[in-house]
Amino acid sequence: MTTTVLHNCDLVDGDGGDPQQRVDIVIEGDTIREIVPTRPTETYGTVDEIVEAAGQLAVPGLINNHTHGTAYGPLFPSGHEALSPEQVRANLDRHLLEGTTTVLCVDGFVTAEAIAKTNEDHPVNVKLASCNTPACLHAASIADGGGLTDENRSFTAGRAVDAGAVALGEIGAGHTLGGGGASYMYIPAEVAKRTGVTITPKQADTLKYAVLGRHISASAFDRDAVEKALVAAGLAGKLSVEETREIVSDIVLPAFDIALDGLAEAAEYADKVGVPVLVHNAAASMTQVAKIAKTGVSLIAGHSNHGSFELREALEHAERLKELGAIVDISTLDAFGAQRLESGPEVIYAMLEAGLVDTISTDYAGGNHDSILLGIDRATKAGVVSLPAAVAMGTANVADAIPGVATRRGRIIVGAIADLVLTDPADLSRVDTVMIGGEIVVRDGQRATVAA
């Protein structure tokens, strides 16, 4: 059994406790055995490795409860064509280098065999959420379904839970409920096909809301708004208002009501089998999400800072969900970096400052997600949340909200599995070292070679 010492680091334990300065973390095998005030290195004799960590901050390995493209199999709850194995591994590398040691893949139609193979091929712990209920499968088949094989279709939510899936989710994703998936994938693709013009996700969003409104309704059609959106997107003279209405409506509406019904169906089943249900929480689904929360099911309201919400609407909705006992999750999306979908972190900050947030994830953001540690770093520097509370939102709170996703992980305490991150306290996104199960898998910010 190997013994490793993280020497002379500061520590935030993930449980919300006060930061500790200058401690040594002693790991034997895969387990944290001691956390003590720092000692001279010679005290440890012939341990296998002493990692000098002066000036660095130790936090638990992050547990990301909302990821896409992190397992071999159909992409998104719309059953889109699978990413290549190389791209999946690259996505997992990205999460790993950001300090994430466990991900919940909410693509929804991935099989147990595919999850097992993914875990064989990469050190990040990949867990499965299933969305394969009848209504969700129907909605996916209408919206896309291009990556669904007979095996994927037959691997129902019931079979998935029996095989170890720890949640149902993502139920009612943006690809079937007129959310971000429609804006960064399906609408731009159809516009390019018809006009040869490439539009941005934000331009697609503007077209979508002009046709259907933020809450997705055919009655919200606004001709003047569509005309303005076409001009702004460089599509005036290339698409008419009616053609735009047809494109958006044909992409969003056929699966919408079915996907909305799928929220209640999945929640009922999740309650029956005793796992949480993670749902797409946005302006279009908020009424149904609140209705489900009233049933008492273990509910995780995903990305409750969704760009379709107005600020006050997001705050009031989150407050109501918390009153009903739901877990309120926020996602970094691309609010701090690329901002191809999001305009900035204002809703994130407002929700944190109001004390409405339980967990922090990334989601996908068209492949441009910002890291959880970047979000925590910016939010703590903005003064809207304390560092211990924010770290807990990305670690212990997630482990507690989803039993089985990260057993004995998410806290730096004696007896926990040694999933640990050393990072720069001045810039939390600058990750130096990552340990999973007592093995160092990232050194100096780069993937490390792990002995067989």
Foldseek 3Di string as FASTA:
>chain_A
DAKEKAFFAWEQFLPLDDIGGGWIFIDDQQFTADIGHGDPPCVVPPGPYYHDFHQWYKFFQFEFEAEWLQWFFATALLRHAHDDPVSNQVVVQVQVLQRHQFYEYFSALDALVRQVVSVVVDRRHYAYAHLQDVLSNVLSVLQHNPGDDPSSNPCHRVNRVVSPHQEHDQQLDCSAAVAQCCLQPQLQVVLCVQQVAGFFSVLSVQLLCCQQNLQGHNVNHHQVSNQVSCVVRVNVVRAHSVRSNCSNCSNHPPSNVSSLVSVQVRQVVCQVVVHEYEYADGNNNLVSLLVSLQVVGAYEDEQLVGPSDDQVRSQVSLVSSVVSPYAYEHAQQQQPHPCSPPVHCPSVLVCLLVVSHQAYHHHQNVPRTDRLQQVLLVNVVVVSHPNSRSLSRRFVSVCVSGPSSQPLGRTSDGGRGPFMWIARPNRRSRTAWTDGSNWIQHHGSHGDDTDD
